[in-house]
């Protein structure tokens, strides 16, 4: 096997490592935000606030989807 024939496999391995790193960072960020939320004072979740949170979450998901 030549080094040229290993390129696609290595490129896939690098991409897999990058995805794993992005996932780890996202999980760390989520955990930090959850802990921050647990430490904050309680507040009532109104229907309007729930709709606003859902709208923001959906917008964020749309911006993170890969273009196909």
Protein backbone atom coordinates (compact mmCIF):
# COMPACT_ATOMS: atom_id res chain seq x y z
CA UNK A 1 0.00 0.00 0.00
CA UNK A 2 1.30 3.42 -0.86
CA UNK A 3 0.81 6.52 1.25
CA UNK A 4 -1.41 7.93 -1.49
CA UNK A 5 -3.86 5.03 -1.13
CA UNK A 6 -4.08 5.64 2.64
CA UNK A 7 -5.17 9.25 2.18
CA UNK A 8 -8.96 8.68 2.10
CA UNK A 9 -8.80 6.51 5.22
CA UNK A 10 -6.66 9.04 7.07
CA UNK A 11 -8.94 11.87 5.98
CA UNK A 12 -11.91 9.90 7.38
CA UNK A 13 -10.03 9.28 10.63
CA UNK A 14 -9.24 12.98 11.00
CA UNK A 15 -12.86 13.91 10.27
CA UNK A 16 -14.02 11.38 12.89
CA UNK A 17 -11.64 12.86 15.45
CA UNK A 18 -12.84 16.38 14.68
CA UNK A 19 -16.49 15.34 15.07
CA UNK A 20 -15.71 13.60 18.36
CA UNK A 21 -13.93 16.72 19.61
CA UNK A 22 -16.87 18.94 18.60
CA UNK A 23 -19.28 16.60 20.39
CA UNK A 24 -17.12 16.60 23.53
CA UNK A 25 -16.97 20.40 23.53
CA UNK A 26 -20.74 20.66 23.03
CA UNK A 27 -21.32 18.25 25.92
CA UNK A 28 -19.00 20.26 28.16
CA UNK A 29 -20.80 23.48 27.22
CA UNK A 30 -24.19 21.90 27.89
CA UNK A 31 -23.04 20.59 31.26
CA UNK A 32 -21.69 24.03 32.22
CA UNK A 33 -24.97 25.68 31.23
CA UNK A 34 -27.00 23.09 33.14
CA UNK A 35 -24.89 23.63 36.25
CA UNK A 36 -25.28 27.39 35.85
CA UNK A 37 -29.03 26.90 35.63
CA UNK A 38 -29.08 24.76 38.75
CA UNK A 39 -27.24 27.46 40.67
CA UNK A 40 -29.57 30.25 39.55
CA UNK A 41 -32.67 31.26 41.49
CA UNK A 42 -35.91 29.50 40.62
CA UNK A 43 -38.39 31.17 38.32
CA UNK A 44 -41.69 30.14 36.81
CA UNK A 45 -41.66 29.04 33.20
CA UNK A 46 -44.51 30.83 31.50
CA UNK A 47 -45.98 29.59 28.22
CA UNK A 48 -44.54 32.66 26.46
CA UNK A 49 -41.07 31.95 27.87
CA UNK A 50 -41.33 28.31 26.81
CA UNK A 51 -42.26 29.36 23.25
CA UNK A 52 -39.34 31.79 23.14
CA UNK A 53 -36.91 29.10 24.34
CA UNK A 54 -38.23 26.63 21.78
CA UNK A 55 -37.97 29.22 18.97
CA UNK A 56 -34.36 30.02 19.90
CA UNK A 57 -33.41 26.34 20.15
CA UNK A 58 -34.92 25.57 16.74
CA UNK A 59 -33.12 28.54 15.21
CA UNK A 60 -29.81 27.33 16.63
CA UNK A 61 -30.40 23.85 15.28
CA UNK A 62 -31.08 25.25 11.82
CA UNK A 63 -27.80 27.19 11.81
CA UNK A 64 -25.82 24.09 12.86
CA UNK A 65 -27.24 21.75 10.20
CA UNK A 66 -24.67 20.91 7.54
CA UNK A 67 -25.54 22.10 4.05
CA UNK A 68 -26.25 19.16 1.75
